[in-house]
Amino acid sequence: MHKLRSRITLEIFVLFLLIGVAQALGKAPPPSEKFTVERDVVYRKVDGEELKLDAYVPQGEGKFPAVIVIHGGAWRMGDKAAYAAECIALANNGYAAFTIRYRLLPRHKFPACVEDCKAAVRWVRQNAAKYKVDPQRIGAFGHSAGGHLAAMLATIGGTSQFNDDPNAKPEDSRIQAAVCMAGVFEFPPIDFPLFREFLGGTPQEKPDAYKQASPLHHVSKSTAPILLLHGDEDRFVPLIGSQRFADALTKAGVENQLVVLKGVGHLYQWGHGEAVRQEMVKFFDKHLKRPTPAAAK
């Protein structure tokens, strides 16, 4: 247990370092003329906070498929600027990318972050014309805690669960594909401090929360296609979680793919970012660039 905590502490330290570098780089002009960037757009006001996103929109007429990019950080930290490289890769390949901030621990527990992600999807649909987005082709990418949230969108995005807007229609937050890197897909019945804080208690105290927060328990035939990416040297989030999630998706008849990245740890940005981005774009090209039945009419 001591060794596990030491590894987690080290990876969190490196994550903070990466976030700091990304924030500094995020203030510089993007290294491309293929897209424009609009920063710090308020997509939601809740609990006295303004939640903001950065929009990366390709040049041209559109309509472009869109991707919601969800940062990691153990539901407690992280920043939308840390995933600028993913947004740039998407925008350079013809996607409107929206990297979002969401409510974090310790002030905000589950399901606040899920509600925010669903609100972000609704906001993109509502502002589709302004950002040249095809509202019938929206995906999500997330890493770590963001991978968990992207999987939640894929499984319950088109339902009324965790809709805190009484005027929202379930279909308004549906996505058509998700890419999840090193996500948590099932919260085990163990008393782990981070899970206890996120879910508001121990498994014995909050059994329903542990189940409701687990994408694996929401898998159905209507779940969106999912690409799971996981490093075989991840010491923070075990690979077996992605394997179990892939098995559940296959059993339900949901199109999915699990790519195990050799020699990659939890913080894939440290030397393996390009490989992850290539897999992400390839999967979205397959599922978001083909016309949907609604879009073809």
Protein backbone atom coordinates (compact mmCIF):
# COMPACT_ATOMS: atom_id res chain seq x y z
CA MET A 1 0.00 0.00 0.00
CA HIS A 2 2.88 2.35 0.81
CA LYS A 3 4.43 1.74 -2.62
CA LEU A 4 1.06 2.36 -4.31
CA ARG A 5 0.64 5.68 -2.52
CA SER A 6 4.20 6.68 -3.46
CA ARG A 7 3.53 5.96 -7.14
CA ILE A 8 0.27 7.89 -7.01
CA THR A 9 1.99 10.85 -5.31
CA LEU A 10 4.70 10.86 -7.98
CA GLU A 11 2.20 10.69 -10.84
CA ILE A 12 0.10 13.48 -9.34
CA PHE A 13 3.24 15.62 -9.04
CA VAL A 14 4.06 15.00 -12.70
CA LEU A 15 0.45 15.76 -13.62
CA PHE A 16 0.70 19.13 -11.89
CA LEU A 17 3.91 19.79 -13.84
CA LEU A 18 2.24 18.89 -17.12
CA ILE A 19 -0.74 21.11 -16.34
CA GLY A 20 1.55 24.06 -15.59
CA VAL A 21 3.40 23.63 -18.87
CA ALA A 22 0.12 23.24 -20.79
CA GLN A 23 -1.33 26.36 -19.24
CA ALA A 24 1.71 28.35 -20.27
CA LEU A 25 1.62 26.95 -23.79
CA GLY A 26 -2.13 27.45 -24.01
CA LYS A 27 -1.65 31.22 -23.98
CA ALA A 28 0.45 31.13 -27.13
CA PRO A 29 -1.08 31.26 -30.64
CA PRO A 30 -1.87 27.77 -31.99
CA PRO A 31 0.75 26.41 -34.39
CA SER A 32 -1.67 26.25 -37.32
CA GLU A 33 -3.78 28.39 -39.60
CA LYS A 34 -6.32 25.64 -40.15
CA PHE A 35 -8.49 26.68 -37.23
CA THR A 36 -9.39 29.47 -34.84
CA VAL A 37 -9.46 29.37 -31.04
CA GLU A 38 -11.97 31.07 -28.78
CA ARG A 39 -10.93 30.82 -25.14
CA ASP A 40 -12.82 30.99 -21.86
CA VAL A 41 -16.33 30.84 -23.28
CA VAL A 42 -18.89 30.43 -20.49
CA TYR A 43 -21.01 27.39 -21.22
CA ARG A 44 -22.67 27.10 -17.83
CA LYS A 45 -23.36 29.03 -14.63
CA VAL A 46 -24.03 26.82 -11.61
CA ASP A 47 -23.47 27.02 -7.85
CA GLY A 48 -22.18 30.56 -8.26
CA GLU A 49 -19.47 29.44 -10.71
CA GLU A 50 -18.91 30.18 -14.36
CA LEU A 51 -17.79 27.05 -16.16
CA LYS A 52 -15.74 27.79 -19.26
CA LEU A 53 -14.51 26.05 -22.37
CA ASP A 54 -12.05 26.70 -25.18
CA ALA A 55 -13.37 26.18 -28.71
CA TYR A 56 -11.08 25.08 -31.55
CA VAL A 57 -13.01 25.50 -34.81
CA PRO A 58 -11.63 24.54 -38.26
CA GLN A 59 -11.54 27.10 -41.04
CA GLY A 60 -14.12 26.54 -43.74
CA GLU A 61 -17.85 26.23 -44.06
CA GLY A 62 -18.59 23.13 -41.95
CA LYS A 63 -20.73 21.39 -40.80
CA PHE A 64 -18.00 19.81 -38.71
CA PRO A 65 -18.31 16.89 -36.32
CA ALA A 66 -17.58 18.00 -32.76
CA VAL A 67 -15.67 16.47 -29.85
CA ILE A 68 -15.98 17.39 -26.17
CA VAL A 69 -12.52 17.06 -24.56
CA ILE A 70 -12.60 16.26 -20.82
CA HIS A 71 -9.48 16.67 -18.69
CA GLY A 72 -8.21 14.27 -16.07
CA GLY A 73 -7.01 14.91 -12.54
CA ALA A 74 -8.79 12.53 -10.15
CA TRP A 75 -11.98 14.68 -10.21
CA ARG A 76 -10.09 17.15 -8.00
CA MET A 77 -7.67 19.03 -10.23
CA GLY A 78 -6.70 19.51 -13.84
CA ASP A 79 -7.40 22.18 -16.42
CA LYS A 80 -8.87 22.41 -19.89
CA ALA A 81 -5.62 23.93 -21.21
CA ALA A 82 -3.74 20.69 -20.45
CA TYR A 83 -5.44 19.03 -23.43
CA ALA A 84 -4.75 21.70 -26.04
CA ALA A 85 -2.66 19.21 -28.06
CA GLU A 86 -5.68 16.92 -28.41
CA CYS A 87 -7.83 19.85 -29.53
CA ILE A 88 -5.23 20.96 -32.06
CA ALA A 89 -5.01 17.43 -33.49
CA LEU A 90 -8.80 17.28 -33.78
CA ALA A 91 -9.12 20.74 -35.35
CA ASN A 92 -6.36 19.99 -37.86
CA ASN A 93 -8.35 16.91 -38.89
CA GLY A 94 -11.67 18.66 -39.41
CA TYR A 95 -13.29 18.53 -35.96
CA ALA A 96 -14.62 21.35 -33.82
CA ALA A 97 -13.09 20.60 -30.41
CA PHE A 98 -14.34 21.97 -27.09
CA THR A 99 -12.14 21.43 -24.05
CA ILE A 100 -14.14 22.05 -20.89
CA ARG A 101 -13.74 22.86 -17.23
CA TYR A 102 -16.09 21.11 -14.80
CA ARG A 103 -16.78 21.26 -11.06
CA LEU A 104 -14.16 19.57 -8.90
CA LEU A 105 -13.55 18.11 -5.48
CA PRO A 106 -13.49 18.82 -2.63
CA ARG A 107 -16.39 21.24 -2.95
CA HIS A 108 -18.31 19.30 -5.59
CA LYS A 109 -18.92 15.57 -5.33
CA PHE A 110 -20.54 13.15 -7.75
CA PRO A 111 -22.67 13.71 -9.82
CA ALA A 112 -21.78 17.41 -10.31
CA CYS A 113 -19.08 16.67 -12.88
CA VAL A 114 -21.41 14.38 -14.86
CA GLU A 115 -24.10 17.07 -14.88
CA ASP A 116 -21.54 19.56 -16.22
CA CYS A 117 -20.41 17.24 -19.02
CA LYS A 118 -23.99 16.65 -20.11
CA ALA A 119 -24.59 20.40 -20.01
CA ALA A 120 -21.53 20.92 -22.24
CA VAL A 121 -22.96 18.55 -24.87
CA ARG A 122 -26.27 20.41 -24.76
CA TRP A 123 -24.47 23.75 -25.09
CA VAL A 124 -22.56 22.58 -28.18
CA ARG A 125 -25.82 21.43 -29.77
CA GLN A 126 -27.53 24.70 -28.91
CA ASN A 127 -24.62 26.67 -30.41
CA ALA A 128 -24.04 24.39 -33.38
CA ALA A 129 -24.70 27.06 -35.99
CA LYS A 130 -22.26 29.55 -34.43
CA TYR A 131 -19.41 27.02 -34.29
CA LYS A 132 -20.22 25.29 -37.60
CA VAL A 133 -21.02 22.01 -35.87
CA ASP A 134 -23.18 19.15 -37.09
CA PRO A 135 -25.39 18.56 -34.02
CA GLN A 136 -25.95 14.94 -35.06
CA ARG A 137 -22.23 14.10 -34.86
CA ILE A 138 -20.80 14.79 -31.42
CA GLY A 139 -18.19 12.70 -29.63
CA ALA A 140 -16.22 12.86 -26.38
CA PHE A 141 -12.59 12.26 -25.49
CA GLY A 142 -11.36 11.96 -21.93
CA HIS A 143 -8.32 10.83 -19.99
CA SER A 144 -8.27 9.31 -16.49
CA ALA A 145 -11.14 11.01 -14.62
CA GLY A 146 -12.04 12.48 -17.99
CA GLY A 147 -12.11 8.97 -19.44
CA HIS A 148 -14.63 8.03 -16.78
CA LEU A 149 -16.76 11.06 -17.67
CA ALA A 150 -16.55 10.40 -21.42
CA ALA A 151 -17.75 6.85 -20.73
CA MET A 152 -20.62 8.23 -18.65
CA LEU A 153 -21.65 10.36 -21.63
CA ALA A 154 -21.47 7.33 -23.91
CA THR A 155 -23.66 5.22 -21.61
CA ILE A 156 -26.18 7.65 -20.09
CA GLY A 157 -25.81 10.78 -22.24
CA GLY A 158 -29.07 10.15 -24.07
CA THR A 159 -31.08 9.48 -20.91
CA SER A 160 -32.64 11.68 -18.24
CA GLN A 161 -30.13 10.51 -15.61
CA PHE A 162 -28.09 13.34 -14.05
CA ASN A 163 -29.95 16.02 -16.00
CA ASP A 164 -30.15 18.88 -13.52
CA ASP A 165 -31.89 21.13 -16.06
CA PRO A 166 -35.65 20.45 -15.90
CA ASN A 167 -36.05 21.83 -19.42
CA ALA A 168 -33.41 19.58 -20.96
CA LYS A 169 -34.47 16.79 -23.29
CA PRO A 170 -32.62 13.48 -22.82
CA GLU A 171 -31.54 13.32 -26.45
CA ASP A 172 -29.91 16.77 -26.23
CA SER A 173 -26.93 15.33 -24.34
CA ARG A 174 -26.50 12.16 -26.41
CA ILE A 175 -23.13 11.58 -28.04
CA GLN A 176 -22.36 9.39 -31.04
CA ALA A 177 -18.88 8.07 -30.09
CA ALA A 178 -16.36 8.20 -27.23
CA VAL A 179 -12.63 7.67 -26.78
CA CYS A 180 -11.61 6.88 -23.20
CA MET A 181 -7.96 6.81 -22.14
CA ALA A 182 -7.15 5.07 -18.83
CA GLY A 183 -10.60 5.66 -17.36
CA VAL A 184 -12.26 4.29 -14.23
CA PHE A 185 -15.30 2.34 -15.40
CA GLU A 186 -16.36 0.58 -12.22
CA PHE A 187 -15.98 1.70 -8.61
CA PRO A 188 -15.12 -1.40 -6.57
CA PRO A 189 -16.59 -2.04 -3.13
CA ILE A 190 -13.41 -1.05 -1.30
CA ASP A 191 -12.86 1.86 1.06
CA PHE A 192 -10.40 3.92 -1.01
CA PRO A 193 -9.99 7.56 0.19
CA LEU A 194 -10.41 9.18 -3.24
CA PHE A 195 -13.52 7.18 -4.08
CA ARG A 196 -14.94 7.82 -0.60
CA GLU A 197 -14.52 11.57 -1.11
CA PHE A 198 -15.84 11.57 -4.67
CA LEU A 199 -18.90 9.45 -3.91
CA GLY A 200 -19.70 10.86 -0.49
CA GLY A 201 -18.96 7.83 1.67
CA THR A 202 -17.79 4.23 1.83
CA PRO A 203 -19.29 1.46 -0.32
CA GLN A 204 -21.29 0.37 2.70
CA GLU A 205 -22.62 3.89 3.27
CA LYS A 206 -23.26 4.79 -0.39
CA PRO A 207 -23.76 1.56 -2.38
CA ASP A 208 -26.08 3.22 -4.89
CA ALA A 209 -23.56 5.99 -5.60
CA TYR A 210 -20.81 3.46 -6.33
CA LYS A 211 -23.09 1.75 -8.82
CA GLN A 212 -24.54 4.90 -10.39
CA ALA A 213 -21.08 6.39 -10.92
CA SER A 214 -19.84 3.26 -12.74
CA PRO A 215 -20.24 3.36 -16.55
CA LEU A 216 -20.03 -0.43 -16.61
CA HIS A 217 -23.37 -0.62 -14.80
CA HIS A 218 -25.03 1.64 -17.41
CA VAL A 219 -24.01 -0.30 -20.51
CA SER A 220 -26.92 -1.06 -22.84
CA LYS A 221 -27.50 -1.68 -26.52
CA SER A 222 -27.96 2.10 -26.95
CA THR A 223 -24.46 2.90 -25.62
CA ALA A 224 -22.39 4.84 -28.16
CA PRO A 225 -19.39 3.16 -29.82
CA ILE A 226 -16.32 3.38 -27.58
CA LEU A 227 -12.57 3.19 -28.12
CA LEU A 228 -10.68 2.24 -24.96
CA LEU A 229 -6.99 3.17 -24.78
CA HIS A 230 -4.83 1.93 -21.91
CA GLY A 231 -1.11 1.69 -21.27
CA ASP A 232 0.23 -1.67 -20.19
CA GLU A 233 2.47 0.11 -17.66
CA ASP A 234 -0.29 2.13 -16.02
CA ARG A 235 0.33 1.91 -12.25
CA PHE A 236 -2.48 4.28 -11.31
CA VAL A 237 -5.55 2.86 -13.08
CA PRO A 238 -5.30 -0.92 -13.69
CA LEU A 239 -5.65 -2.18 -17.26
CA ILE A 240 -8.10 -4.85 -16.11
CA GLY A 241 -10.76 -2.15 -15.67
CA SER A 242 -10.70 -1.36 -19.39
CA GLN A 243 -10.69 -5.07 -20.20
CA ARG A 244 -13.78 -5.68 -18.06
CA PHE A 245 -15.53 -2.68 -19.60
CA ALA A 246 -14.73 -3.90 -23.11
CA ASP A 247 -16.17 -7.32 -22.24
CA ALA A 248 -19.39 -5.71 -20.96
CA LEU A 249 -19.71 -3.61 -24.12
CA THR A 250 -19.19 -6.64 -26.35
CA LYS A 251 -21.74 -8.66 -24.39
CA ALA A 252 -24.30 -5.87 -24.88
CA GLY A 253 -23.61 -5.73 -28.61
CA VAL A 254 -21.95 -2.29 -28.46
CA GLU A 255 -19.24 -1.59 -31.01
CA ASN A 256 -15.97 -1.16 -29.15
CA GLN A 257 -12.23 -1.51 -29.44
CA LEU A 258 -9.55 -1.88 -26.78
CA VAL A 259 -6.05 -0.75 -27.75
CA VAL A 260 -3.34 -1.62 -25.24
CA LEU A 261 -0.40 0.74 -25.70
CA LYS A 262 2.93 -0.93 -25.05
CA GLY A 263 5.30 0.78 -22.64
CA VAL A 264 2.79 3.52 -21.80
CA GLY A 265 1.97 4.60 -18.25
CA HIS A 266 -0.93 6.62 -16.92
CA LEU A 267 0.45 10.00 -18.02
CA TYR A 268 0.54 9.21 -21.73
CA GLN A 269 1.45 12.80 -22.66
CA TRP A 270 4.98 12.12 -21.44
CA GLY A 271 6.34 10.78 -24.73
CA HIS A 272 3.30 8.94 -26.12
CA GLY A 273 0.81 11.71 -26.84
CA GLU A 274 1.08 11.42 -30.61
CA ALA A 275 0.22 7.71 -30.57
CA VAL A 276 -2.89 8.37 -28.47
CA ARG A 277 -3.98 11.26 -30.69
CA GLN A 278 -3.59 9.15 -33.84
CA GLU A 279 -5.77 6.39 -32.41
CA MET A 280 -8.33 8.98 -31.26
CA VAL A 281 -8.61 10.67 -34.66
CA LYS A 282 -8.79 7.33 -36.50
CA PHE A 283 -11.70 6.16 -34.35
CA PHE A 284 -13.60 9.45 -34.65
CA ASP A 285 -13.03 9.45 -38.41
CA LYS A 286 -14.80 6.10 -38.56
CA HIS A 287 -17.75 7.04 -36.37
CA LEU A 288 -18.25 10.80 -36.72
CA LYS A 289 -17.25 11.57 -40.29
CA ARG A 290 -19.73 9.17 -41.84
CA PRO A 291 -23.18 10.80 -42.18
CA THR A 292 -25.72 9.76 -39.57
CA PRO A 293 -29.26 8.91 -40.80
CA ALA A 294 -30.53 12.21 -39.36
CA ALA A 295 -27.70 14.20 -40.89
CA ALA A 296 -28.20 12.63 -44.31
CA LYS A 297 -31.78 13.81 -44.63
